[in-house]
N, C-alpha and C. Protein backbone atom coordinates (compact mmCIF):
# COMPACT_ATOMS: atom_id res chain seq x y z
N MET A 1 99.82 65.24 85.36
CA MET A 1 100.43 64.07 86.39
C MET A 1 102.37 64.34 85.96
N GLU A 2 102.72 65.49 86.89
CA GLU A 2 103.95 65.40 86.93
C GLU A 2 105.19 64.03 87.05
N THR A 3 105.56 63.53 86.15
CA THR A 3 106.79 62.17 86.39
C THR A 3 107.83 62.81 87.19
N ARG A 4 108.77 61.65 87.69
CA ARG A 4 109.37 61.82 88.05
C ARG A 4 111.24 62.81 87.83
N TYR A 5 111.12 62.47 85.94
CA TYR A 5 111.89 63.25 84.62
C TYR A 5 111.35 64.73 84.48
N HIS A 6 110.07 65.16 85.02
CA HIS A 6 110.56 66.68 83.97
C HIS A 6 110.70 67.26 84.13
N ARG A 7 112.54 67.59 85.12
CA ARG A 7 112.80 68.27 84.09
C ARG A 7 113.55 68.21 83.20
N LYS A 8 114.25 66.61 83.59
CA LYS A 8 114.71 66.72 81.99
C LYS A 8 114.16 65.64 80.67
N PHE A 9 113.13 66.08 80.88
CA PHE A 9 112.10 65.86 79.75
C PHE A 9 111.63 67.19 79.30
N SER A 10 111.91 68.18 80.24
CA SER A 10 112.10 69.92 79.86
C SER A 10 113.15 70.58 78.91
N LYS A 11 114.35 70.55 79.94
CA LYS A 11 115.53 70.76 78.81
C LYS A 11 115.38 69.08 77.38
N ILE A 12 115.70 68.81 77.53
CA ILE A 12 115.61 67.44 76.05
C ILE A 12 114.83 68.37 74.76
N GLY A 13 113.54 68.99 75.61
CA GLY A 13 111.94 69.84 74.55
C GLY A 13 112.66 71.09 74.29
N GLN A 14 113.24 71.45 75.17
CA GLN A 14 114.50 72.62 74.53
C GLN A 14 115.58 72.52 73.64
N LYS A 15 115.80 71.52 74.02
CA LYS A 15 117.29 70.83 73.08
C LYS A 15 116.57 70.89 71.53
N ILE A 16 115.06 70.33 71.23
CA ILE A 16 114.55 69.88 70.28
C ILE A 16 113.89 70.85 69.28
N LYS A 17 113.43 72.41 70.23
CA LYS A 17 112.63 73.97 70.05
C LYS A 17 114.25 73.70 68.97
N GLU A 18 115.74 73.83 70.08
CA GLU A 18 116.92 74.73 69.72
C GLU A 18 117.40 74.39 67.95
N TYR A 19 116.69 72.58 68.04
CA TYR A 19 117.32 72.31 66.51
C TYR A 19 116.92 72.14 65.34
N ARG A 20 114.91 72.27 66.09
CA ARG A 20 114.03 72.26 64.76
C ARG A 20 113.99 73.87 64.70
N LYS A 21 115.04 75.27 65.00
CA LYS A 21 115.12 76.40 64.16
C LYS A 21 115.71 76.24 64.00
N GLN A 22 116.98 76.01 64.06
CA GLN A 22 118.31 76.05 62.96
C GLN A 22 117.63 75.22 62.04
N LYS A 23 117.08 73.97 61.86
CA LYS A 23 116.59 73.90 60.13
C LYS A 23 116.02 74.84 60.01
N ASN A 24 115.21 75.77 60.47
CA ASN A 24 113.66 76.96 59.65
C ASN A 24 113.40 76.10 59.32
N LEU A 25 112.17 74.64 60.66
CA LEU A 25 111.19 73.96 60.10
C LEU A 25 110.07 75.20 61.40
N SER A 26 109.25 74.68 61.36
CA SER A 26 107.88 74.86 61.83
C SER A 26 107.24 74.22 63.30
N GLN A 27 106.73 74.25 63.45
CA GLN A 27 106.82 73.63 64.44
C GLN A 27 105.28 72.80 63.98
N SER A 28 104.89 73.01 63.48
CA SER A 28 103.61 72.25 62.04
C SER A 28 105.13 71.12 60.89
N GLU A 29 105.43 71.70 60.74
CA GLU A 29 106.60 71.33 59.98
C GLU A 29 106.42 69.84 60.40
N LEU A 30 107.88 70.19 61.19
CA LEU A 30 108.64 68.96 62.41
C LEU A 30 106.60 68.17 62.94
N ALA A 31 105.99 67.98 63.25
CA ALA A 31 105.43 67.56 63.85
C ALA A 31 104.46 66.31 62.30
N ASP A 32 104.72 66.97 61.04
CA ASP A 32 104.40 66.55 59.88
C ASP A 32 104.97 65.29 59.83
N LYS A 33 106.36 65.81 59.89
CA LYS A 33 107.35 64.95 59.39
C LYS A 33 107.39 64.26 60.18
N LEU A 34 107.27 64.22 61.17
CA LEU A 34 107.32 62.73 62.91
C LEU A 34 106.01 61.65 62.72
N GLY A 35 104.80 62.95 62.02
CA GLY A 35 103.67 61.76 62.50
C GLY A 35 102.83 62.16 63.16
N ILE A 36 102.85 63.13 64.06
CA ILE A 36 102.73 63.13 65.26
C ILE A 36 101.61 65.06 65.26
N SER A 37 100.12 64.65 65.88
CA SER A 37 100.38 65.91 66.38
C SER A 37 100.93 66.91 67.16
N LEU A 38 100.42 68.58 66.64
CA LEU A 38 101.15 69.72 67.16
C LEU A 38 101.18 69.61 67.76
N SER A 39 99.65 69.75 68.30
CA SER A 39 99.40 70.10 70.44
C SER A 39 100.96 69.14 70.92
N TYR A 40 100.71 67.58 70.59
CA TYR A 40 101.81 66.70 71.11
C TYR A 40 103.36 67.28 70.99
N LEU A 41 103.72 68.34 70.32
CA LEU A 41 105.27 68.75 69.48
C LEU A 41 105.41 70.02 70.82
N THR A 42 103.68 70.14 70.64
CA THR A 42 103.87 72.40 71.66
C THR A 42 104.43 71.42 72.99
N LYS A 43 103.77 70.68 73.39
CA LYS A 43 103.95 70.51 74.55
C LYS A 43 105.09 70.33 74.89
N ILE A 44 105.61 68.81 73.84
CA ILE A 44 106.78 68.77 74.47
C ILE A 44 108.15 69.95 74.33
N GLU A 45 107.63 70.10 73.82
CA GLU A 45 109.28 71.21 72.88
C GLU A 45 108.47 73.03 74.58
N ALA A 46 107.77 72.89 75.11
CA ALA A 46 107.12 74.09 76.27
C ALA A 46 108.63 73.57 77.05
N LYS A 47 108.43 74.87 77.62
CA LYS A 47 109.84 74.90 78.47
C LYS A 47 108.90 74.47 79.92
N ASN A 48 107.63 74.28 80.26
CA ASN A 48 107.68 74.03 81.22
C ASN A 48 106.74 72.35 81.37
N CYS A 49 107.54 72.13 79.94
CA CYS A 49 107.24 70.95 80.24
C CYS A 49 106.94 69.42 81.14
N LYS A 50 105.82 68.98 80.87
CA LYS A 50 105.25 67.43 81.44
C LYS A 50 105.00 66.75 81.19
N LYS A 51 105.30 66.84 79.92
CA LYS A 51 104.73 65.73 78.85
C LYS A 51 106.48 64.80 78.52
N SER A 52 105.52 63.31 78.58
CA SER A 52 106.79 61.83 78.31
C SER A 52 106.60 61.73 77.03
N PHE A 53 107.40 60.57 76.45
CA PHE A 53 107.98 61.03 75.62
C PHE A 53 108.57 59.74 75.23
N SER A 54 108.60 59.46 74.44
CA SER A 54 109.37 57.44 74.38
C SER A 54 110.62 57.56 73.66
N LEU A 55 111.43 56.61 73.92
CA LEU A 55 112.78 56.63 72.96
C LEU A 55 113.20 57.15 71.71
N ALA A 56 111.44 56.08 71.46
CA ALA A 56 111.44 55.24 69.93
C ALA A 56 111.55 57.22 69.65
N LEU A 57 109.88 57.35 69.66
CA LEU A 57 110.12 59.26 68.99
C LEU A 57 111.35 60.17 68.82
N LEU A 58 112.32 59.81 70.04
CA LEU A 58 113.22 60.73 70.98
C LEU A 58 114.08 60.51 69.70
N PHE A 59 114.24 59.68 68.57
CA PHE A 59 115.23 59.22 68.01
C PHE A 59 115.12 59.08 66.25
N ASP A 60 114.12 59.32 66.34
CA ASP A 60 112.96 59.98 65.19
C ASP A 60 113.18 61.41 65.11
N ILE A 61 113.34 62.04 66.23
CA ILE A 61 113.31 63.23 65.86
C ILE A 61 114.45 63.76 65.34
N ALA A 62 115.16 63.01 66.31
CA ALA A 62 117.37 63.04 65.79
C ALA A 62 116.88 63.76 64.09
N ASP A 63 116.76 61.73 63.53
CA ASP A 63 116.97 61.92 62.68
C ASP A 63 115.88 62.96 62.22
N VAL A 64 115.11 62.93 60.92
CA VAL A 64 114.70 64.18 61.18
C VAL A 64 115.53 65.49 61.45
N LEU A 65 115.95 65.89 61.91
CA LEU A 65 116.33 67.24 62.55
C LEU A 65 117.96 66.63 62.11
N GLU A 66 118.03 65.24 61.53
CA GLU A 66 120.35 65.21 61.79
C GLU A 66 120.74 65.70 62.20
N VAL A 67 120.41 65.17 64.07
CA VAL A 67 121.38 64.84 64.47
C VAL A 67 121.68 64.31 65.51
N ASP A 68 122.67 63.88 65.48
CA ASP A 68 122.99 62.90 66.85
C ASP A 68 121.54 63.31 68.40
N ILE A 69 121.03 61.87 68.46
CA ILE A 69 120.70 61.80 69.60
C ILE A 69 121.36 62.03 70.56
N LYS A 70 122.85 62.32 71.09
CA LYS A 70 122.52 62.44 72.43
C LYS A 70 123.12 64.09 72.06
N GLU A 71 122.98 64.98 71.62
CA GLU A 71 123.04 66.19 71.98
C GLU A 71 121.82 66.94 72.20
N PHE A 72 120.49 65.26 72.62
CA PHE A 72 119.54 65.80 73.48
C PHE A 72 120.25 65.96 74.75
N PHE A 73 120.81 65.72 74.58
CA PHE A 73 121.66 65.10 77.04
C PHE A 73 122.45 66.68 77.16
N GLU A 74 123.43 67.07 76.10
CA GLU A 74 123.96 67.49 76.69
C GLU A 74 124.16 69.26 76.55
């Protein structure tokens, strides 16, 4: 089911992927640090992301990747 914010979630997912790669973390490593499944993270980072995720998870991702959360929205 596609949310009305599909494009926004997709853009944020691409930013997460970009910052994860800058930190030289694999998807598996980041998922482990966040306590989420690899499958869930893969869906979040997918270019055609249709997976919504919580603001709390986004704060956790920002903390692990050591970026200001606002970077995901620019």
